[in-house]
Amino acid sequence: MSHSTMRQTACGLAYWDNGEQQGNTYVLLHGISSGAGLWAKQFASQAGQHRLIAWDAPGYGDSVALASATPTAADYARALKALVEEAELGSFTLVGHSLGALMASAYASLYSEDVSRLVLASVAQGYGQTTAEQQQQVYEKRPSLLAKLGPEGMARERGPFLLGQPTSSNMMLVTQAMQRLTLEGFTAASYLLAYDSIDYYLPAIHDSIDVIYGEDDGITPPAGMQALQQRYARIRLHAVPQAGHLLYVDQPQAFDEVVFGQMQQGTKENNT
C-alpha cells in the first residue's frame, strides 16, 4: 500500500501504518481469508487525514503464528494488545471485519479503556454455541480447501462469492490477499471460527456498537446482522447497498462514510 509503511513488532506481528499524526486513530482487523493489504482503498482515501493501522493477524502474511493452534478470540486480542502498546496508540476506533469482528469484540471486552468506538462489519459470529458436528465441519472446511486449491485457486473459486462487485481490480486485491495465506494461520483462525462465539464477548461491552453489512452478502447475510441487533439493543445497524461480504472493497465510499465520517449520509441506517 503506497500510502503506508510495513512495520513489525518485537514479537513478530506485521502491520501497515500510514503514520498520520493528525485526525483519529483506527485499527483495522481483516477477516479469515484476507490480510492487511485488502484495506488498500481505506489507506488511499484516508491519506493525510486519519492514522490507520492494519495488521496481518497472527499466522497471516509476515506475522508469526500464535503459540496455540486452538485459539480463542481472546488469544488474538492479547496479541493485538502487544502491538497497541508497542505502537503507543492511545485510544482508537477498532474496526473488525468478518472474523476480525469476533477478534475486535474480544479486544473491546478485555481492554475497553483502549477502544473509543467499536465498528463491526460483515460479522462472523462464530459457531461456539452450535453442535459438535457443525463445529468440526466449520473447522475442517477452509483449511482443506486451501490445501487442495492453493491460495490462487482459492481466490478464483471463493473471490466472486466474497464480492458483490467482482470487478477485475477487486478480484486482484482479493487474490493478492489470499496469496499471503499460510495453512498454519488459516487453520488456527478456522478453529477460532468453529469453536468461539461473539456472544461470549459482547455482553461485556456497554457502549454503542456500529455494525455495517452489505445487502448482497451471502457469507454473513443481513438476517444474521439483524438477529445480532435483536440480541444487543445497543447495536446500530448500517446497510450498504450493492455490497457483498467484502463491503469495504465493494463500496469503499459508503463504508468509509460510516467508519470515518461518523455516520454521514451515504449509507442506509436501520436503527431501532
C-alpha atoms as a PDB file:
ATOM      1  CA  MET A   1       0.000   0.000   0.000  1.00  0.00           C
ATOM      2  CA  SER A   2       1.685   3.154  -1.228  1.00  0.00           C
ATOM      3  CA  HIS A   3       0.169   5.326   1.497  1.00  0.00           C
ATOM      4  CA  SER A   4       1.659   3.282   4.342  1.00  0.00           C
ATOM      5  CA  THR A   5       4.728   1.574   5.727  1.00  0.00           C
ATOM      6  CA  MET A   6       5.027  -2.080   6.715  1.00  0.00           C
ATOM      7  CA  ARG A   7       6.262  -2.395  10.282  1.00  0.00           C
ATOM      8  CA  GLN A   8       6.902  -5.330  12.587  1.00  0.00           C
ATOM      9  CA  THR A   9       6.590  -5.547  16.344  1.00  0.00           C
ATOM     10  CA  ALA A  10       9.261  -7.023  18.582  1.00  0.00           C
ATOM     11  CA  CYS A  11       7.065 -10.095  18.993  1.00  0.00           C
ATOM     12  CA  GLY A  12       6.806 -10.600  15.231  1.00  0.00           C
ATOM     13  CA  LEU A  13       3.473  -9.095  14.201  1.00  0.00           C
ATOM     14  CA  ALA A  14       3.479  -7.328  10.838  1.00  0.00           C
ATOM     15  CA  TYR A  15       1.232  -4.334  10.257  1.00  0.00           C
ATOM     16  CA  TRP A  16       0.684  -1.436   7.886  1.00  0.00           C
ATOM     17  CA  ASP A  17       0.849   2.051   9.364  1.00  0.00           C
ATOM     18  CA  ASN A  18       0.228   5.266   7.427  1.00  0.00           C
ATOM     19  CA  GLY A  19       1.937   7.250  10.182  1.00  0.00           C
ATOM     20  CA  GLU A  20      -0.537  10.135  10.201  1.00  0.00           C
ATOM     21  CA  GLN A  21      -0.398  12.152  13.415  1.00  0.00           C
ATOM     22  CA  GLN A  22      -3.466  14.326  12.762  1.00  0.00           C
ATOM     23  CA  GLY A  23      -7.037  13.127  12.990  1.00  0.00           C
ATOM     24  CA  ASN A  24      -8.074   9.993  14.858  1.00  0.00           C
ATOM     25  CA  THR A  25      -6.509   6.543  15.043  1.00  0.00           C
ATOM     26  CA  TYR A  26      -8.200   3.491  13.531  1.00  0.00           C
ATOM     27  CA  VAL A  27      -7.085  -0.117  13.971  1.00  0.00           C
ATOM     28  CA  LEU A  28      -8.345  -2.404  11.181  1.00  0.00           C
ATOM     29  CA  LEU A  29      -8.709  -6.186  11.605  1.00  0.00           C
ATOM     30  CA  HIS A  30      -9.223  -8.312   8.494  1.00  0.00           C
ATOM     31  CA  GLY A  31     -11.256 -11.499   8.080  1.00  0.00           C
ATOM     32  CA  ILE A  32     -10.330 -15.154   7.767  1.00  0.00           C
ATOM     33  CA  SER A  33      -9.498 -15.213   4.030  1.00  0.00           C
ATOM     34  CA  SER A  34      -7.938 -11.751   3.927  1.00  0.00           C
ATOM     35  CA  GLY A  35      -4.937  -9.737   5.045  1.00  0.00           C
ATOM     36  CA  ALA A  36      -3.812  -6.214   5.797  1.00  0.00           C
ATOM     37  CA  GLY A  37      -3.403  -5.408   2.103  1.00  0.00           C
ATOM     38  CA  LEU A  38      -7.134  -5.691   1.463  1.00  0.00           C
ATOM     39  CA  TRP A  39      -7.602  -2.350   3.284  1.00  0.00           C
ATOM     40  CA  ALA A  40      -5.770  -0.579   0.417  1.00  0.00           C
ATOM     41  CA  LYS A  41      -8.779   1.558  -0.543  1.00  0.00           C
ATOM     42  CA  GLN A  42      -9.124   2.857   3.010  1.00  0.00           C
ATOM     43  CA  PHE A  43      -5.431   3.709   3.211  1.00  0.00           C
ATOM     44  CA  ALA A  44      -5.818   5.630  -0.049  1.00  0.00           C
ATOM     45  CA  SER A  45      -8.967   7.509   0.998  1.00  0.00           C
ATOM     46  CA  GLN A  46      -7.641   8.448   4.433  1.00  0.00           C
ATOM     47  CA  ALA A  47      -4.174   9.576   3.360  1.00  0.00           C
ATOM     48  CA  GLY A  48      -3.441  12.887   5.062  1.00  0.00           C
ATOM     49  CA  GLN A  49      -6.479  12.537   7.343  1.00  0.00           C
ATOM     50  CA  HIS A  50      -6.504   9.765   9.951  1.00  0.00           C
ATOM     51  CA  ARG A  51      -3.923   7.321  11.220  1.00  0.00           C
ATOM     52  CA  LEU A  52      -4.640   3.767  10.096  1.00  0.00           C
ATOM     53  CA  ILE A  53      -3.094   0.589  11.489  1.00  0.00           C
ATOM     54  CA  ALA A  54      -3.929  -2.704   9.749  1.00  0.00           C
ATOM     55  CA  TRP A  55      -2.331  -5.903  10.965  1.00  0.00           C
ATOM     56  CA  ASP A  56      -1.670  -9.207   9.348  1.00  0.00           C
ATOM     57  CA  ALA A  57      -3.310 -11.345  12.028  1.00  0.00           C
ATOM     58  CA  PRO A  58      -1.052 -13.902  13.740  1.00  0.00           C
ATOM     59  CA  GLY A  59      -0.087 -16.589  11.238  1.00  0.00           C
ATOM     60  CA  TYR A  60      -1.022 -14.392   8.258  1.00  0.00           C
ATOM     61  CA  GLY A  61       1.400 -12.771   5.832  1.00  0.00           C
ATOM     62  CA  ASP A  62       4.610 -11.897   7.647  1.00  0.00           C
ATOM     63  CA  SER A  63       3.158 -12.237  11.166  1.00  0.00           C
ATOM     64  CA  VAL A  64       4.255 -15.059  13.438  1.00  0.00           C
ATOM     65  CA  ALA A  65       1.601 -17.562  14.425  1.00  0.00           C
ATOM     66  CA  LEU A  66       0.052 -17.774  17.866  1.00  0.00           C
ATOM     67  CA  ALA A  67       1.584 -20.234  20.288  1.00  0.00           C
ATOM     68  CA  SER A  68      -1.719 -22.138  20.412  1.00  0.00           C
ATOM     69  CA  ALA A  69      -3.200 -23.998  17.449  1.00  0.00           C
ATOM     70  CA  THR A  70      -6.578 -23.948  19.222  1.00  0.00           C
ATOM     71  CA  PRO A  71      -7.017 -20.243  19.973  1.00  0.00           C
ATOM     72  CA  THR A  72      -9.929 -18.217  21.268  1.00  0.00           C
ATOM     73  CA  ALA A  73     -10.651 -14.641  20.206  1.00  0.00           C
ATOM     74  CA  ALA A  74      -9.058 -13.562  23.487  1.00  0.00           C
ATOM     75  CA  ASP A  75      -5.732 -15.014  22.307  1.00  0.00           C
ATOM     76  CA  TYR A  76      -5.831 -12.789  19.233  1.00  0.00           C
ATOM     77  CA  ALA A  77      -6.879  -9.859  21.428  1.00  0.00           C
ATOM     78  CA  ARG A  78      -3.848 -10.329  23.661  1.00  0.00           C
ATOM     79  CA  ALA A  79      -1.603 -10.407  20.586  1.00  0.00           C
ATOM     80  CA  LEU A  80      -3.178  -7.168  19.377  1.00  0.00           C
ATOM     81  CA  LYS A  81      -2.665  -5.599  22.801  1.00  0.00           C
ATOM     82  CA  ALA A  82       1.075  -6.140  22.459  1.00  0.00           C
ATOM     83  CA  LEU A  83       1.021  -4.305  19.113  1.00  0.00           C
ATOM     84  CA  VAL A  84      -1.076  -1.467  20.553  1.00  0.00           C
ATOM     85  CA  GLU A  85       1.329  -0.985  23.432  1.00  0.00           C
ATOM     86  CA  GLU A  86       4.450  -1.107  21.291  1.00  0.00           C
ATOM     87  CA  ALA A  87       2.966   1.397  18.805  1.00  0.00           C
ATOM     88  CA  GLU A  88       1.833   3.603  21.734  1.00  0.00           C
ATOM     89  CA  LEU A  89      -1.542   4.164  20.122  1.00  0.00           C
ATOM     90  CA  GLY A  90      -3.594   5.550  22.993  1.00  0.00           C
ATOM     91  CA  SER A  91      -7.355   5.278  22.433  1.00  0.00           C
ATOM     92  CA  PHE A  92      -8.604   4.361  18.968  1.00  0.00           C
ATOM     93  CA  THR A  93     -11.564   3.226  16.901  1.00  0.00           C
ATOM     94  CA  LEU A  94     -11.392  -0.537  16.471  1.00  0.00           C
ATOM     95  CA  VAL A  95     -12.780  -1.873  13.180  1.00  0.00           C
ATOM     96  CA  GLY A  96     -13.208  -5.608  12.698  1.00  0.00           C
ATOM     97  CA  HIS A  97     -14.394  -7.279   9.501  1.00  0.00           C
ATOM     98  CA  SER A  98     -15.856 -10.804   9.432  1.00  0.00           C
ATOM     99  CA  LEU A  99     -13.707 -12.987  11.734  1.00  0.00           C
ATOM    100  CA  GLY A 100     -11.888  -9.786  12.652  1.00  0.00           C
ATOM    101  CA  ALA A 101     -15.185  -8.644  14.200  1.00  0.00           C
ATOM    102  CA  LEU A 102     -15.008 -11.560  16.623  1.00  0.00           C
ATOM    103  CA  MET A 103     -11.410 -10.643  17.494  1.00  0.00           C
ATOM    104  CA  ALA A 104     -12.357  -6.967  17.861  1.00  0.00           C
ATOM    105  CA  SER A 105     -15.237  -7.830  20.190  1.00  0.00           C
ATOM    106  CA  ALA A 106     -12.904  -9.829  22.403  1.00  0.00           C
ATOM    107  CA  TYR A 107     -10.426  -6.942  22.472  1.00  0.00           C
ATOM    108  CA  ALA A 108     -13.100  -4.410  23.403  1.00  0.00           C
ATOM    109  CA  SER A 109     -14.363  -6.690  26.172  1.00  0.00           C
ATOM    110  CA  LEU A 110     -10.870  -7.130  27.635  1.00  0.00           C
ATOM    111  CA  TYR A 111      -9.367  -3.680  27.024  1.00  0.00           C
ATOM    112  CA  SER A 112     -12.312  -1.293  26.975  1.00  0.00           C
ATOM    113  CA  GLU A 113     -10.090   1.611  28.030  1.00  0.00           C
ATOM    114  CA  ASP A 114      -8.312   1.455  24.652  1.00  0.00           C
ATOM    115  CA  VAL A 115     -11.414   1.460  22.444  1.00  0.00           C
ATOM    116  CA  SER A 116     -13.148   4.801  21.900  1.00  0.00           C
ATOM    117  CA  ARG A 117     -15.545   3.239  19.358  1.00  0.00           C
ATOM    118  CA  LEU A 118     -16.202  -0.284  18.110  1.00  0.00           C
ATOM    119  CA  VAL A 119     -17.196  -0.876  14.480  1.00  0.00           C
ATOM    120  CA  LEU A 120     -18.009  -4.383  13.261  1.00  0.00           C
ATOM    121  CA  ALA A 121     -18.559  -5.225   9.597  1.00  0.00           C
ATOM    122  CA  SER A 122     -19.976  -8.382   7.989  1.00  0.00           C
ATOM    123  CA  VAL A 123     -19.824 -10.010  11.403  1.00  0.00           C
ATOM    124  CA  ALA A 124     -18.695 -13.638  11.656  1.00  0.00           C
ATOM    125  CA  GLN A 125     -20.399 -14.560  14.919  1.00  0.00           C
ATOM    126  CA  GLY A 126     -18.673 -17.913  15.444  1.00  0.00           C
ATOM    127  CA  TYR A 127     -20.097 -21.411  15.909  1.00  0.00           C
ATOM    128  CA  GLY A 128     -19.195 -21.869  19.574  1.00  0.00           C
ATOM    129  CA  GLN A 129     -22.814 -22.444  20.554  1.00  0.00           C
ATOM    130  CA  THR A 130     -23.697 -24.947  17.813  1.00  0.00           C
ATOM    131  CA  THR A 131     -23.367 -28.743  17.693  1.00  0.00           C
ATOM    132  CA  ALA A 132     -20.032 -30.562  17.835  1.00  0.00           C
ATOM    133  CA  GLU A 133     -20.683 -31.937  14.360  1.00  0.00           C
ATOM    134  CA  GLN A 134     -21.219 -28.488  12.863  1.00  0.00           C
ATOM    135  CA  GLN A 135     -18.152 -27.125  14.644  1.00  0.00           C
ATOM    136  CA  GLN A 136     -15.982 -29.891  13.215  1.00  0.00           C
ATOM    137  CA  GLN A 137     -17.292 -29.217   9.697  1.00  0.00           C
ATOM    138  CA  VAL A 138     -16.544 -25.492  10.001  1.00  0.00           C
ATOM    139  CA  TYR A 139     -13.073 -26.188  11.386  1.00  0.00           C
ATOM    140  CA  GLU A 140     -12.109 -28.516   8.540  1.00  0.00           C
ATOM    141  CA  LYS A 141     -13.763 -26.776   5.582  1.00  0.00           C
ATOM    142  CA  ARG A 142     -11.482 -23.839   4.793  1.00  0.00           C
ATOM    143  CA  PRO A 143      -8.056 -25.357   5.514  1.00  0.00           C
ATOM    144  CA  SER A 144      -8.892 -28.377   3.360  1.00  0.00           C
ATOM    145  CA  LEU A 145      -9.917 -26.030   0.555  1.00  0.00           C
ATOM    146  CA  LEU A 146      -6.659 -24.083   0.842  1.00  0.00           C
ATOM    147  CA  ALA A 147      -4.621 -27.291   0.874  1.00  0.00           C
ATOM    148  CA  LYS A 148      -6.477 -28.582  -2.185  1.00  0.00           C
ATOM    149  CA  LEU A 149      -6.630 -25.440  -4.331  1.00  0.00           C
ATOM    150  CA  GLY A 150      -3.695 -23.369  -3.130  1.00  0.00           C
ATOM    151  CA  PRO A 151      -4.043 -19.623  -2.487  1.00  0.00           C
ATOM    152  CA  GLU A 152      -4.574 -18.571  -6.108  1.00  0.00           C
ATOM    153  CA  GLY A 153      -7.050 -21.354  -6.837  1.00  0.00           C
ATOM    154  CA  MET A 154      -8.959 -20.472  -3.709  1.00  0.00           C
ATOM    155  CA  ALA A 155      -9.071 -16.829  -4.745  1.00  0.00           C
ATOM    156  CA  ARG A 156     -10.541 -17.812  -8.128  1.00  0.00           C
ATOM    157  CA  GLU A 157     -13.139 -20.067  -6.534  1.00  0.00           C
ATOM    158  CA  ARG A 158     -14.073 -18.048  -3.436  1.00  0.00           C
ATOM    159  CA  GLY A 159     -13.409 -14.470  -4.548  1.00  0.00           C
ATOM    160  CA  PRO A 160     -16.617 -14.000  -6.563  1.00  0.00           C
ATOM    161  CA  PHE A 161     -18.676 -15.148  -3.547  1.00  0.00           C
ATOM    162  CA  LEU A 162     -16.974 -12.639  -1.255  1.00  0.00           C
ATOM    163  CA  LEU A 163     -17.562  -9.691  -3.559  1.00  0.00           C
ATOM    164  CA  GLY A 164     -20.817  -8.118  -4.645  1.00  0.00           C
ATOM    165  CA  GLN A 165     -18.817  -6.284  -7.310  1.00  0.00           C
ATOM    166  CA  PRO A 166     -16.235  -8.834  -8.595  1.00  0.00           C
ATOM    167  CA  THR A 167     -14.509  -6.390 -10.932  1.00  0.00           C
ATOM    168  CA  SER A 168     -11.043  -7.226 -12.188  1.00  0.00           C
ATOM    169  CA  SER A 169      -9.443  -4.703  -9.825  1.00  0.00           C
ATOM    170  CA  ASN A 170     -11.383  -6.014  -6.823  1.00  0.00           C
ATOM    171  CA  MET A 171     -10.537  -9.603  -7.728  1.00  0.00           C
ATOM    172  CA  MET A 172      -6.886  -8.617  -7.959  1.00  0.00           C
ATOM    173  CA  LEU A 173      -6.985  -7.259  -4.402  1.00  0.00           C
ATOM    174  CA  VAL A 174      -8.592 -10.484  -3.157  1.00  0.00           C
ATOM    175  CA  THR A 175      -6.063 -12.633  -4.999  1.00  0.00           C
ATOM    176  CA  GLN A 176      -3.134 -10.652  -3.629  1.00  0.00           C
ATOM    177  CA  ALA A 177      -4.504 -11.033  -0.098  1.00  0.00           C
ATOM    178  CA  MET A 178      -5.108 -14.764  -0.442  1.00  0.00           C
ATOM    179  CA  GLN A 179      -1.627 -15.319  -1.878  1.00  0.00           C
ATOM    180  CA  ARG A 180      -0.293 -14.408   1.570  1.00  0.00           C
ATOM    181  CA  LEU A 181      -2.364 -17.001   3.424  1.00  0.00           C
ATOM    182  CA  THR A 182      -0.498 -19.709   5.319  1.00  0.00           C
ATOM    183  CA  LEU A 183      -2.020 -23.053   6.213  1.00  0.00           C
ATOM    184  CA  GLU A 184      -0.931 -22.688   9.844  1.00  0.00           C
ATOM    185  CA  GLY A 185      -2.534 -19.299  10.353  1.00  0.00           C
ATOM    186  CA  PHE A 186      -5.618 -20.220   8.342  1.00  0.00           C
ATOM    187  CA  THR A 187      -6.148 -23.416  10.332  1.00  0.00           C
ATOM    188  CA  ALA A 188      -5.850 -21.613  13.674  1.00  0.00           C
ATOM    189  CA  ALA A 189      -8.328 -18.960  12.523  1.00  0.00           C
ATOM    190  CA  SER A 190     -10.696 -21.703  11.376  1.00  0.00           C
ATOM    191  CA  TYR A 191     -10.537 -23.195  14.862  1.00  0.00           C
ATOM    192  CA  LEU A 192     -11.472 -19.801  16.284  1.00  0.00           C
ATOM    193  CA  LEU A 193     -14.444 -19.516  13.916  1.00  0.00           C
ATOM    194  CA  ALA A 194     -15.638 -23.026  14.718  1.00  0.00           C
ATOM    195  CA  TYR A 195     -15.329 -23.076  18.489  1.00  0.00           C
ATOM    196  CA  ASP A 196     -15.723 -19.498  19.738  1.00  0.00           C
ATOM    197  CA  SER A 197     -18.729 -17.168  19.731  1.00  0.00           C
ATOM    198  CA  ILE A 198     -19.196 -13.414  19.699  1.00  0.00           C
ATOM    199  CA  ASP A 199     -21.850 -13.902  22.378  1.00  0.00           C
ATOM    200  CA  TYR A 200     -19.058 -14.686  24.841  1.00  0.00           C
ATOM    201  CA  TYR A 201     -17.737 -11.122  24.462  1.00  0.00           C
ATOM    202  CA  LEU A 202     -20.483  -8.661  23.511  1.00  0.00           C
ATOM    203  CA  PRO A 203     -22.276  -8.761  26.895  1.00  0.00           C
ATOM    204  CA  ALA A 204     -19.206  -7.131  28.484  1.00  0.00           C
ATOM    205  CA  ILE A 205     -19.303  -4.192  26.034  1.00  0.00           C
ATOM    206  CA  HIS A 206     -21.645  -1.475  27.255  1.00  0.00           C
ATOM    207  CA  ASP A 207     -21.080   1.288  24.690  1.00  0.00           C
ATOM    208  CA  SER A 208     -22.905   1.584  21.377  1.00  0.00           C
ATOM    209  CA  ILE A 209     -21.569  -0.609  18.576  1.00  0.00           C
ATOM    210  CA  ASP A 210     -21.841   0.189  14.875  1.00  0.00           C
ATOM    211  CA  VAL A 211     -22.488  -2.860  12.697  1.00  0.00           C
ATOM    212  CA  ILE A 212     -22.167  -2.460   8.925  1.00  0.00           C
ATOM    213  CA  TYR A 213     -23.281  -5.064   6.416  1.00  0.00           C
ATOM    214  CA  GLY A 214     -23.645  -5.493   2.687  1.00  0.00           C
ATOM    215  CA  GLU A 215     -27.173  -6.002   1.421  1.00  0.00           C
ATOM    216  CA  ASP A 216     -25.893  -8.647  -1.033  1.00  0.00           C
ATOM    217  CA  ASP A 217     -23.720 -10.526   1.478  1.00  0.00           C
ATOM    218  CA  GLY A 218     -24.211 -14.283   1.163  1.00  0.00           C
ATOM    219  CA  ILE A 219     -21.479 -15.188   3.667  1.00  0.00           C
ATOM    220  CA  THR A 220     -22.774 -13.295   6.710  1.00  0.00           C
ATOM    221  CA  PRO A 221     -26.289 -12.435   5.464  1.00  0.00           C
ATOM    222  CA  PRO A 222     -28.293  -9.371   6.525  1.00  0.00           C
ATOM    223  CA  ALA A 223     -30.666 -11.566   8.561  1.00  0.00           C
ATOM    224  CA  GLY A 224     -27.786 -12.552  10.813  1.00  0.00           C
ATOM    225  CA  MET A 225     -26.870  -8.918  11.424  1.00  0.00           C
ATOM    226  CA  GLN A 226     -30.480  -8.095  12.241  1.00  0.00           C
ATOM    227  CA  ALA A 227     -30.660 -11.026  14.665  1.00  0.00           C
ATOM    228  CA  LEU A 228     -27.489  -9.728  16.337  1.00  0.00           C
ATOM    229  CA  GLN A 229     -29.141  -6.353  16.874  1.00  0.00           C
ATOM    230  CA  GLN A 230     -32.180  -8.049  18.394  1.00  0.00           C
ATOM    231  CA  ARG A 231     -29.898  -9.642  20.994  1.00  0.00           C
ATOM    232  CA  TYR A 232     -27.957  -6.434  21.680  1.00  0.00           C
ATOM    233  CA  ALA A 233     -30.083  -3.284  21.546  1.00  0.00           C
ATOM    234  CA  ARG A 234     -27.016  -1.000  21.688  1.00  0.00           C
ATOM    235  CA  ILE A 235     -26.057  -2.098  18.167  1.00  0.00           C
ATOM    236  CA  ARG A 236     -26.676   0.460  15.407  1.00  0.00           C
ATOM    237  CA  LEU A 237     -27.126  -1.185  12.017  1.00  0.00           C
ATOM    238  CA  HIS A 238     -25.941   0.325   8.724  1.00  0.00           C
ATOM    239  CA  ALA A 239     -26.843  -1.393   5.456  1.00  0.00           C
ATOM    240  CA  VAL A 240     -24.668  -0.784   2.406  1.00  0.00           C
ATOM    241  CA  PRO A 241     -26.467  -1.361  -0.922  1.00  0.00           C
ATOM    242  CA  GLN A 242     -24.787  -3.257  -3.776  1.00  0.00           C
ATOM    243  CA  ALA A 243     -22.149  -4.699  -1.465  1.00  0.00           C
ATOM    244  CA  GLY A 244     -21.233  -8.275  -0.681  1.00  0.00           C
ATOM    245  CA  HIS A 245     -19.205  -9.702   2.190  1.00  0.00           C
ATOM    246  CA  LEU A 246     -16.138  -7.576   1.410  1.00  0.00           C
ATOM    247  CA  LEU A 247     -18.194  -4.410   1.541  1.00  0.00           C
ATOM    248  CA  TYR A 248     -15.193  -2.171   2.215  1.00  0.00           C
ATOM    249  CA  VAL A 249     -13.761  -3.342  -1.119  1.00  0.00           C
ATOM    250  CA  ASP A 250     -17.087  -3.312  -2.990  1.00  0.00           C
ATOM    251  CA  GLN A 251     -18.379   0.058  -1.770  1.00  0.00           C
ATOM    252  CA  PRO A 252     -15.476   1.851  -0.089  1.00  0.00           C
ATOM    253  CA  GLN A 253     -17.092   5.293  -0.109  1.00  0.00           C
ATOM    254  CA  ALA A 254     -20.243   4.111   1.683  1.00  0.00           C
ATOM    255  CA  PHE A 255     -18.170   2.078   4.128  1.00  0.00           C
ATOM    256  CA  ASP A 256     -15.798   4.985   4.789  1.00  0.00           C
ATOM    257  CA  GLU A 257     -18.662   7.387   5.462  1.00  0.00           C
ATOM    258  CA  VAL A 258     -19.888   5.210   8.321  1.00  0.00           C
ATOM    259  CA  VAL A 259     -16.449   4.414   9.722  1.00  0.00           C
ATOM    260  CA  PHE A 260     -14.571   7.688   9.233  1.00  0.00           C
ATOM    261  CA  GLY A 261     -17.425  10.142   8.692  1.00  0.00           C
ATOM    262  CA  GLN A 262     -19.351   9.237  11.860  1.00  0.00           C
ATOM    263  CA  MET A 263     -22.484   8.136  10.029  1.00  0.00           C
ATOM    264  CA  GLN A 264     -22.803  10.884   7.469  1.00  0.00           C
ATOM    265  CA  GLN A 265     -25.239  10.425   4.624  1.00  0.00           C
ATOM    266  CA  GLY A 266     -24.402   7.800   2.018  1.00  0.00           C
ATOM    267  CA  THR A 267     -25.484   4.630   3.822  1.00  0.00           C
ATOM    268  CA  LYS A 268     -28.929   3.487   4.740  1.00  0.00           C
ATOM    269  CA  GLU A 269     -29.254   3.263   8.515  1.00  0.00           C
ATOM    270  CA  ASN A 270     -31.584   0.843  10.272  1.00  0.00           C
ATOM    271  CA  ASN A 271     -31.668   1.964  13.874  1.00  0.00           C
ATOM    272  CA  THR A 272     -34.151   0.705  16.396  1.00  0.00           C
END
